[in-house]
Amino acid sequence: MKIISGEGFASILHNTSYIFSAQVLNIFVRAIYILLVARLLGPEIYGVFVSVQAWYIAFLPLSIFGMQGIISLELAKSKTNSHQLAGSSLSLRLITSLLAGLSCFLSGWFLNDSPDTRNLILLFSTAMLGRSLATWNSDIFIAYERSQTNLRLESIFRPMEAIMGSGWLLFANGGINELALIHALNWWLQASAGLWLVKKNFVPTLKPLWDSKSMIHMLMMALPLLISGFAVNWFSQGPIVLLKYTSLPQQTIGYLALAFQIFSLSCAVPFSLGTAALPVLSRAAQRNDSKDIFFAESMIKGILFLAAPAGIAGIYIIPALTPLIFGEAYIKAGDMVAWSVWLLIPFSIGYLLSQVLIARKKLKSAGFAVLLGAVIFSMSYIYFTDTYGVYGSLFSSAFGMIIWAIISLIMVALNSKLNIIKTFVIPLMSFSLIIYISFNLGIF
């Protein structure tokens, strides 16, 4: 049986620990910052700030253009072309960032008449350029399996933004334009520091290069990942966006938003694992030694065997904790939060299998699977919402993610020796048996 070497697993775990630590730090700091900003601004002004921020975040996949995995894939081929790869990918990132920033600004400008909103859109569009370059730096660090560098940068600039923003509101009576400016400034500082570290430690001759052949090659590879990025993001943002067009009460929408926000934060686990594993999986796929398939099999079995008991425990624990953490106003959100955590099962399987497909350069297959799931979710949303009310959003999301996971599994199996029966069917039967027994015992 093929196994990943101790060095390979150590590399994945080492890279994962730093990526996950950076994400946990970002989540922790962001949660405190959001709490302070929301309390200090008040609901109306905070609503304007968050709506414009969400608008710019929606354009981030376009600025990144699915290039995260491409850099790891190309570096896995040969380290000797790293300088050319870095220069070409940097040029691409500059182009896509400018296009995304302009699209965000111009569309937001024409769709909003308020001068204050337009100023915010301009500031956040500027932030997008710095954030996109900072993400490029992170891609390089991950590709070289030096994610600790990104952790150091995150540990400096994310708390700095929170301290500067909170301090401005508390002591200078500042407004939302200043908060957006601080946000943009910190991303540009992080991008500048990251570029300096990339040039110092990894690519001494770093500069933008115009290699049309290499750039077109990377663009064609990245296009399915761009589609995947939008589709994956839609799974967490789509239910909230679409719910606004229903007749459900605003308070209920707030409950659901909280549930999906916690789900999105929990996605840091599969995101960090999949992102950190990609360079190792890419080299395994290059060697054709089936160790990437062993990784996929291990992850699927582990997720299914551990998910049922963890999910059942969450059904009892999370509803009790929700009002204690968020206040009595959110007591009715506890059940929604508990059930939203179950979405991590199909999401994790779908995402990790997508990484295996990307490592094997089956980018179209990866993009097709997640896009199909997102389309089915969107098309089924109205039916599930009309039938089950607020839980219809959770059901339709689960339906789309399950389709994504199953299609990804089939795609991997068709391109490898992955055994679906042993890897998925038997663990799924065990998972279903635990759920069935729990249902009959009255646990659900």
Protein backbone atom coordinates (compact mmCIF):
# COMPACT_ATOMS: atom_id res chain seq x y z
CA MET A 1 0.00 0.00 0.00
CA LYS A 2 1.24 3.46 -0.91
CA ILE A 3 1.85 5.80 1.97
CA ILE A 4 3.06 9.35 2.21
CA SER A 5 6.57 9.39 3.60
CA GLY A 6 7.22 10.71 7.07
CA GLU A 7 8.90 13.71 5.50
CA GLY A 8 5.87 14.33 3.27
CA PHE A 9 3.40 14.17 6.16
CA ALA A 10 5.71 16.32 8.28
CA SER A 11 5.80 18.91 5.50
CA ILE A 12 2.01 18.97 5.22
CA LEU A 13 1.54 19.21 8.99
CA HIS A 14 4.30 21.82 9.30
CA ASN A 15 2.84 24.00 6.55
CA THR A 16 -0.71 23.43 7.79
CA SER A 17 0.12 24.47 11.34
CA TYR A 18 1.40 27.87 10.21
CA ILE A 19 -1.42 28.48 7.72
CA PHE A 20 -4.02 27.48 10.27
CA SER A 21 -2.34 29.58 12.97
CA ALA A 22 -2.43 32.61 10.67
CA GLN A 23 -6.12 32.04 9.98
CA VAL A 24 -6.95 31.53 13.66
CA LEU A 25 -5.09 34.73 14.52
CA ASN A 26 -6.94 36.58 11.79
CA ILE A 27 -10.31 35.22 12.97
CA PHE A 28 -9.62 36.05 16.62
CA VAL A 29 -8.44 39.59 15.95
CA ARG A 30 -11.19 40.19 13.41
CA ALA A 31 -13.91 39.01 15.80
CA ILE A 32 -12.80 41.43 18.51
CA TYR A 33 -12.41 44.25 16.00
CA ILE A 34 -15.88 43.67 14.53
CA LEU A 35 -17.40 43.69 18.01
CA LEU A 36 -15.76 47.00 18.88
CA VAL A 37 -16.55 48.66 15.55
CA ALA A 38 -20.19 47.53 15.63
CA ARG A 39 -20.69 48.87 19.16
CA LEU A 40 -18.94 52.19 18.50
CA LEU A 41 -20.52 52.96 15.13
CA GLY A 42 -24.05 51.83 15.84
CA PRO A 43 -26.17 49.61 13.62
CA GLU A 44 -27.01 52.07 10.84
CA ILE A 45 -23.50 53.37 10.11
CA TYR A 46 -22.00 49.94 10.71
CA GLY A 47 -24.47 48.52 8.17
CA VAL A 48 -23.22 50.94 5.51
CA PHE A 49 -19.60 50.08 6.31
CA VAL A 50 -20.18 46.32 6.18
CA SER A 51 -22.24 46.45 2.99
CA VAL A 52 -19.49 48.26 1.09
CA GLN A 53 -16.85 45.97 2.56
CA ALA A 54 -18.85 42.95 1.41
CA TRP A 55 -19.09 44.50 -2.05
CA TYR A 56 -15.31 44.71 -2.40
CA ILE A 57 -14.75 41.23 -0.97
CA ALA A 58 -17.04 39.87 -3.67
CA PHE A 59 -14.47 41.03 -6.26
CA LEU A 60 -11.47 39.44 -4.51
CA PRO A 61 -11.64 36.14 -6.46
CA LEU A 62 -11.30 38.15 -9.66
CA SER A 63 -8.19 39.94 -8.37
CA ILE A 64 -6.57 36.65 -7.29
CA PHE A 65 -7.84 34.90 -10.45
CA GLY A 66 -7.41 31.39 -9.08
CA MET A 67 -3.60 31.68 -9.08
CA GLN A 68 -2.97 30.27 -5.57
CA GLY A 69 -2.67 26.65 -6.64
CA ILE A 70 -1.01 27.41 -9.97
CA ILE A 71 2.16 28.74 -8.34
CA SER A 72 2.52 25.58 -6.25
CA LEU A 73 1.86 23.38 -9.27
CA GLU A 74 4.42 25.13 -11.45
CA LEU A 75 7.09 25.20 -8.74
CA ALA A 76 6.57 21.47 -8.19
CA LYS A 77 7.79 20.90 -11.76
CA SER A 78 11.19 22.43 -11.30
CA LYS A 79 12.81 24.82 -8.87
CA THR A 80 15.12 26.11 -11.60
CA ASN A 81 12.39 28.23 -13.24
CA SER A 82 11.28 29.86 -10.00
CA HIS A 83 12.55 33.34 -10.93
CA GLN A 84 10.70 33.37 -14.25
CA LEU A 85 7.58 31.92 -12.62
CA ALA A 86 7.61 34.51 -9.84
CA GLY A 87 8.09 37.40 -12.26
CA SER A 88 5.37 36.25 -14.65
CA SER A 89 2.87 35.48 -11.90
CA LEU A 90 3.57 38.86 -10.26
CA SER A 91 2.83 40.62 -13.56
CA LEU A 92 -0.42 38.67 -13.85
CA ARG A 93 -1.40 39.56 -10.29
CA LEU A 94 -0.80 43.24 -10.97
CA ILE A 95 -3.01 43.11 -14.07
CA THR A 96 -5.86 41.15 -12.48
CA SER A 97 -5.74 43.31 -9.34
CA LEU A 98 -6.03 46.51 -11.34
CA LEU A 99 -8.90 45.12 -13.40
CA ALA A 100 -10.73 43.87 -10.31
CA GLY A 101 -10.16 47.14 -8.47
CA LEU A 102 -11.45 49.19 -11.40
CA SER A 103 -14.48 46.89 -11.82
CA CYS A 104 -15.28 47.14 -8.12
CA PHE A 105 -14.94 50.93 -8.10
CA LEU A 106 -16.75 51.73 -11.36
CA SER A 107 -19.68 49.36 -10.83
CA GLY A 108 -20.06 50.47 -7.21
CA TRP A 109 -19.83 54.12 -8.22
CA PHE A 110 -22.65 53.85 -10.76
CA LEU A 111 -24.87 51.72 -8.52
CA ASN A 112 -24.64 54.11 -5.54
CA ASP A 113 -25.59 57.78 -5.48
CA SER A 114 -24.37 58.56 -1.97
CA PRO A 115 -21.04 60.48 -1.92
CA ASP A 116 -20.06 58.78 1.36
CA THR A 117 -20.69 55.33 -0.11
CA ARG A 118 -18.70 56.22 -3.22
CA ASN A 119 -15.77 57.35 -1.08
CA LEU A 120 -15.86 54.05 0.79
CA ILE A 121 -15.91 52.11 -2.47
CA LEU A 122 -12.85 54.02 -3.69
CA LEU A 123 -10.94 53.30 -0.48
CA PHE A 124 -11.86 49.62 -0.41
CA SER A 125 -11.02 49.26 -4.11
CA THR A 126 -7.57 50.63 -3.27
CA ALA A 127 -7.34 48.13 -0.41
CA MET A 128 -8.06 45.33 -2.87
CA LEU A 129 -4.84 46.02 -4.77
CA GLY A 130 -2.72 45.76 -1.63
CA ARG A 131 -4.62 42.74 -0.36
CA SER A 132 -4.20 40.94 -3.68
CA LEU A 133 -0.44 41.53 -3.67
CA ALA A 134 -0.24 40.36 -0.06
CA THR A 135 -2.05 37.19 -1.11
CA TRP A 136 0.50 36.69 -3.91
CA ASN A 137 3.26 36.88 -1.30
CA SER A 138 1.43 34.28 0.76
CA ASP A 139 1.14 32.02 -2.31
CA ILE A 140 4.90 32.18 -2.76
CA PHE A 141 5.53 31.39 0.92
CA ILE A 142 3.19 28.40 0.76
CA ALA A 143 4.67 27.14 -2.52
CA TYR A 144 8.13 27.18 -0.91
CA GLU A 145 6.62 25.52 2.20
CA ARG A 146 7.56 28.51 4.37
CA SER A 147 4.12 29.44 5.68
CA GLN A 148 5.63 30.65 8.96
CA THR A 149 6.69 33.81 7.12
CA ASN A 150 3.08 34.64 6.33
CA LEU A 151 2.13 33.93 9.96
CA ARG A 152 4.68 36.51 11.11
CA LEU A 153 3.25 39.12 8.75
CA GLU A 154 -0.33 38.36 9.80
CA SER A 155 0.65 38.60 13.48
CA ILE A 156 1.93 42.13 12.85
CA PHE A 157 -0.53 43.75 10.47
CA ARG A 158 -3.90 42.28 11.48
CA PRO A 159 -3.57 43.38 15.14
CA MET A 160 -2.11 46.69 13.92
CA GLU A 161 -5.24 47.37 11.86
CA ALA A 162 -7.49 46.50 14.78
CA ILE A 163 -5.55 48.71 17.20
CA MET A 164 -5.39 51.65 14.79
CA GLY A 165 -9.06 51.39 13.84
CA SER A 166 -10.34 50.96 17.38
CA GLY A 167 -8.08 53.71 18.67
CA TRP A 168 -9.27 56.08 15.98
CA LEU A 169 -12.90 55.49 16.89
CA LEU A 170 -12.32 55.62 20.64
CA PHE A 171 -9.98 58.60 20.94
CA ALA A 172 -10.29 60.60 17.72
CA ASN A 173 -14.03 60.29 17.08
CA GLY A 174 -13.23 59.01 13.60
CA GLY A 175 -15.65 57.73 10.99
CA ILE A 176 -15.99 54.89 8.50
CA ASN A 177 -13.89 56.57 5.81
CA GLU A 178 -10.93 56.60 8.17
CA LEU A 179 -11.52 52.94 9.02
CA ALA A 180 -11.46 52.05 5.33
CA LEU A 181 -8.27 54.09 4.87
CA ILE A 182 -6.64 52.26 7.79
CA HIS A 183 -7.74 48.96 6.26
CA ALA A 184 -6.19 49.86 2.90
CA LEU A 185 -3.00 51.22 4.48
CA ASN A 186 -2.36 48.04 6.47
CA TRP A 187 -2.84 45.77 3.46
CA TRP A 188 -0.43 47.88 1.42
CA LEU A 189 2.14 47.81 4.23
CA GLN A 190 1.79 44.03 4.49
CA ALA A 191 2.13 43.68 0.71
CA SER A 192 5.30 45.82 0.70
CA ALA A 193 6.87 43.88 3.57
CA GLY A 194 5.98 40.57 1.94
CA LEU A 195 7.49 41.57 -1.41
CA TRP A 196 10.69 42.55 0.38
CA LEU A 197 10.84 39.14 2.13
CA VAL A 198 10.15 37.26 -1.11
CA LYS A 199 13.01 39.06 -2.81
CA LYS A 200 15.33 38.65 0.16
CA ASN A 201 14.73 34.97 0.93
CA PHE A 202 13.31 33.26 -2.16
CA VAL A 203 13.64 35.18 -5.44
CA PRO A 204 16.56 37.64 -5.26
CA THR A 205 16.01 38.84 -8.84
CA LEU A 206 12.28 39.42 -8.35
CA LYS A 207 10.69 41.86 -10.77
CA PRO A 208 7.60 41.80 -12.98
CA LEU A 209 8.30 39.91 -16.19
CA TRP A 210 6.28 40.00 -19.39
CA ASP A 211 6.48 36.43 -20.68
CA SER A 212 3.33 36.14 -22.79
CA LYS A 213 3.64 32.38 -23.31
CA SER A 214 4.04 31.66 -19.60
CA MET A 215 1.33 34.14 -18.61
CA ILE A 216 -1.23 32.76 -21.07
CA HIS A 217 -0.39 29.24 -19.88
CA MET A 218 -1.03 30.21 -16.25
CA LEU A 219 -4.20 32.10 -17.16
CA MET A 220 -5.63 29.09 -18.96
CA MET A 221 -4.77 26.88 -15.98
CA ALA A 222 -6.20 29.39 -13.53
CA LEU A 223 -9.52 30.02 -15.27
CA PRO A 224 -11.24 26.92 -13.80
CA LEU A 225 -9.84 27.88 -10.38
CA LEU A 226 -11.29 31.37 -10.80
CA ILE A 227 -14.68 29.80 -11.40
CA SER A 228 -14.11 27.49 -8.43
CA GLY A 229 -13.20 30.43 -6.21
CA PHE A 230 -16.43 32.25 -6.99
CA ALA A 231 -18.47 29.05 -6.57
CA VAL A 232 -16.89 28.13 -3.22
CA ASN A 233 -17.45 31.68 -1.96
CA TRP A 234 -21.08 31.50 -3.11
CA PHE A 235 -21.74 28.53 -0.84
CA SER A 236 -21.16 30.73 2.21
CA GLN A 237 -22.39 34.09 0.90
CA GLY A 238 -25.19 33.01 -1.43
CA PRO A 239 -27.71 31.96 1.23
CA ILE A 240 -27.43 35.33 2.96
CA VAL A 241 -27.59 37.29 -0.29
CA LEU A 242 -30.60 35.35 -1.63
CA LEU A 243 -32.42 35.41 1.71
CA LYS A 244 -32.66 39.19 1.52
CA TYR A 245 -35.10 38.80 -1.36
CA THR A 246 -37.53 36.69 0.67
CA SER A 247 -40.27 37.80 3.04
CA LEU A 248 -38.60 36.35 6.15
CA PRO A 249 -38.20 38.76 9.10
CA GLN A 250 -34.97 40.73 9.40
CA GLN A 251 -34.26 39.12 12.78
CA THR A 252 -34.44 35.65 11.23
CA ILE A 253 -32.05 36.74 8.51
CA GLY A 254 -29.67 37.85 11.28
CA TYR A 255 -29.82 34.42 12.88
CA LEU A 256 -29.00 32.73 9.60
CA ALA A 257 -26.19 35.20 8.92
CA LEU A 258 -24.63 34.28 12.26
CA ALA A 259 -24.92 30.57 11.48
CA PHE A 260 -23.21 30.93 8.11
CA GLN A 261 -20.56 33.22 9.55
CA ILE A 262 -19.59 30.54 12.06
CA PHE A 263 -19.63 27.96 9.27
CA SER A 264 -17.31 30.19 7.21
CA LEU A 265 -14.92 30.57 10.13
CA SER A 266 -14.92 26.79 10.65
CA CYS A 267 -13.89 26.32 7.02
CA ALA A 268 -10.41 27.48 8.09
CA VAL A 269 -9.62 23.84 8.95
CA PRO A 270 -10.15 22.30 5.47
CA PHE A 271 -8.83 25.46 3.81
CA SER A 272 -5.55 25.39 5.72
CA LEU A 273 -5.08 21.64 5.31
CA GLY A 274 -5.85 21.67 1.59
CA THR A 275 -3.74 24.75 0.88
CA ALA A 276 -0.75 23.44 2.81
CA ALA A 277 -1.01 19.97 1.28
CA LEU A 278 -1.11 21.19 -2.33
CA PRO A 279 2.67 21.56 -2.90
CA VAL A 280 3.32 18.07 -1.48
CA LEU A 281 0.38 16.55 -3.38
CA SER A 282 1.57 18.23 -6.59
CA ARG A 283 4.98 16.60 -6.32
CA ALA A 284 3.33 13.26 -5.50
CA ALA A 285 1.16 13.57 -8.61
CA GLN A 286 4.24 14.51 -10.63
CA ARG A 287 5.95 11.30 -9.45
CA ASN A 288 2.73 9.32 -10.06
CA ASP A 289 3.27 7.33 -6.85
CA SER A 290 -0.42 7.47 -5.70
CA LYS A 291 0.46 9.13 -2.41
CA ASP A 292 -1.95 11.95 -3.20
CA ILE A 293 -4.72 9.33 -3.47
CA PHE A 294 -3.74 7.88 -0.12
CA PHE A 295 -4.10 11.38 1.32
CA ALA A 296 -7.59 11.69 -0.18
CA GLU A 297 -8.66 8.27 1.13
CA SER A 298 -7.38 9.03 4.62
CA MET A 299 -9.11 12.41 4.78
CA ILE A 300 -12.49 11.10 3.59
CA LYS A 301 -12.47 8.19 6.05
CA GLY A 302 -11.40 10.44 8.91
CA ILE A 303 -14.07 13.06 8.16
CA LEU A 304 -16.91 10.54 7.95
CA PHE A 305 -15.88 8.50 11.00
CA LEU A 306 -15.44 11.55 13.22
CA ALA A 307 -18.25 13.73 11.88
CA ALA A 308 -21.26 11.84 13.27
CA PRO A 309 -20.31 11.85 16.98
CA ALA A 310 -18.96 15.41 16.75
CA GLY A 311 -22.09 16.66 15.00
CA ILE A 312 -24.42 14.94 17.47
CA ALA A 313 -22.53 16.46 20.39
CA GLY A 314 -22.77 19.86 18.72
CA ILE A 315 -26.55 19.62 18.52
CA TYR A 316 -26.67 19.64 22.32
CA ILE A 317 -23.73 21.89 23.15
CA ILE A 318 -23.96 24.70 20.56
CA PRO A 319 -27.56 25.83 21.28
CA ALA A 320 -26.67 26.18 24.96
CA LEU A 321 -23.48 28.14 24.24
CA THR A 322 -24.88 30.49 21.58
CA PRO A 323 -26.85 32.83 23.90
CA LEU A 324 -24.04 32.76 26.46
CA ILE A 325 -21.54 33.98 23.85
CA PHE A 326 -23.67 36.25 21.67
CA GLY A 327 -26.39 37.28 24.11
CA GLU A 328 -29.99 36.31 24.80
CA ALA A 329 -31.12 38.00 21.58
CA TYR A 330 -29.54 35.10 19.69
CA ILE A 331 -31.13 32.28 21.67
CA LYS A 332 -33.20 31.20 18.65
CA ALA A 333 -30.07 31.06 16.49
CA GLY A 334 -28.55 28.19 18.47
CA ASP A 335 -30.18 25.40 16.47
CA MET A 336 -29.28 27.04 13.16
CA VAL A 337 -25.66 27.37 14.24
CA ALA A 338 -25.57 23.73 15.36
CA TRP A 339 -26.92 22.44 12.05
CA SER A 340 -24.69 24.76 9.99
CA VAL A 341 -21.65 22.98 11.44
CA TRP A 342 -22.82 19.78 9.69
CA LEU A 343 -22.19 21.53 6.38
CA LEU A 344 -18.47 21.12 7.09
CA ILE A 345 -18.78 17.41 6.20
CA PRO A 346 -19.58 17.76 2.48
CA PHE A 347 -17.66 21.03 2.23
CA SER A 348 -14.45 19.50 3.60
CA ILE A 349 -14.69 16.44 1.36
CA GLY A 350 -15.45 18.55 -1.70
CA TYR A 351 -12.64 21.02 -1.04
CA LEU A 352 -9.95 18.45 -0.23
CA LEU A 353 -10.84 16.35 -3.27
CA SER A 354 -10.69 19.51 -5.37
CA GLN A 355 -7.12 20.03 -4.15
CA VAL A 356 -6.25 16.50 -5.25
CA LEU A 357 -7.73 17.21 -8.69
CA ILE A 358 -5.78 20.46 -8.88
CA ALA A 359 -2.57 18.65 -7.92
CA ARG A 360 -3.25 16.22 -10.78
CA LYS A 361 -3.90 19.20 -13.09
CA LYS A 362 -7.52 18.20 -13.58
CA LEU A 363 -8.51 21.83 -13.21
CA LYS A 364 -11.57 21.66 -15.45
CA SER A 365 -12.88 18.70 -13.47
CA ALA A 366 -12.38 20.56 -10.19
CA GLY A 367 -14.10 23.66 -11.55
CA PHE A 368 -16.98 21.68 -13.07
CA ALA A 369 -17.72 19.84 -9.82
CA VAL A 370 -17.93 22.90 -7.58
CA LEU A 371 -19.75 24.97 -10.22
CA LEU A 372 -22.36 22.26 -10.69
CA GLY A 373 -22.91 22.09 -6.93
CA ALA A 374 -23.24 25.87 -6.68
CA VAL A 375 -25.73 26.01 -9.59
CA ILE A 376 -27.87 23.23 -8.11
CA PHE A 377 -27.83 24.97 -4.73
CA SER A 378 -28.96 28.24 -6.34
CA MET A 379 -31.69 26.57 -8.37
CA SER A 380 -33.01 24.58 -5.39
CA TYR A 381 -32.89 27.49 -2.95
CA ILE A 382 -36.41 28.81 -3.56
CA TYR A 383 -37.96 25.34 -3.34
CA PHE A 384 -36.23 24.47 -0.06
CA THR A 385 -36.95 27.88 1.45
CA ASP A 386 -40.63 27.72 0.50
CA THR A 387 -40.88 24.16 1.86
CA TYR A 388 -38.83 24.39 5.06
CA GLY A 389 -38.66 28.11 5.80
CA VAL A 390 -35.38 29.41 7.18
CA TYR A 391 -33.87 25.91 7.32
CA GLY A 392 -34.38 25.66 3.56
CA SER A 393 -31.21 27.72 3.15
CA LEU A 394 -29.23 25.18 5.14
CA PHE A 395 -30.81 22.28 3.23
CA SER A 396 -30.13 23.78 -0.18
CA SER A 397 -26.52 24.55 0.79
CA ALA A 398 -26.07 20.97 1.98
CA PHE A 399 -27.61 19.66 -1.25
CA GLY A 400 -25.21 21.66 -3.41
CA MET A 401 -22.16 20.74 -1.34
CA ILE A 402 -23.05 17.04 -1.42
CA ILE A 403 -23.28 17.19 -5.22
CA TRP A 404 -19.89 18.92 -5.28
CA ALA A 405 -18.32 16.27 -3.03
CA ILE A 406 -19.78 13.31 -4.95
CA ILE A 407 -18.83 14.64 -8.41
CA SER A 408 -15.30 15.42 -7.15
CA LEU A 409 -15.03 11.90 -5.74
CA ILE A 410 -16.09 10.40 -9.07
CA MET A 411 -13.63 12.62 -10.96
CA VAL A 412 -10.75 11.56 -8.71
CA ALA A 413 -11.72 7.88 -9.01
CA LEU A 414 -11.87 8.09 -12.81
CA ASN A 415 -8.34 9.49 -12.92
CA SER A 416 -6.74 7.22 -10.31
CA LYS A 417 -7.02 3.93 -8.47
CA LEU A 418 -9.12 5.35 -5.64
CA ASN A 419 -11.49 2.69 -4.30
CA ILE A 420 -14.89 4.35 -3.83
CA ILE A 421 -16.34 1.39 -1.92
CA LYS A 422 -13.63 1.28 0.74
CA THR A 423 -12.99 5.02 0.81
CA PHE A 424 -16.53 6.39 0.76
CA VAL A 425 -19.35 3.84 0.74
CA ILE A 426 -18.34 1.82 3.81
CA PRO A 427 -17.51 4.90 5.96
CA LEU A 428 -20.78 6.50 4.78
CA MET A 429 -22.72 3.40 5.85
CA SER A 430 -21.11 3.61 9.28
CA PHE A 431 -21.94 7.31 9.44
CA SER A 432 -25.56 6.63 8.44
CA LEU A 433 -25.85 3.82 11.01
CA ILE A 434 -24.78 6.13 13.82
CA ILE A 435 -27.32 8.74 12.69
CA TYR A 436 -30.06 6.08 12.43
CA ILE A 437 -29.37 4.71 15.91
CA SER A 438 -29.25 8.22 17.35
CA PHE A 439 -32.58 9.06 15.69
CA ASN A 440 -34.27 5.95 17.09
CA LEU A 441 -32.87 6.64 20.56
CA GLY A 442 -34.46 10.07 20.46
CA ILE A 443 -31.18 11.97 20.35
CA PHE A 444 -32.31 14.02 17.34
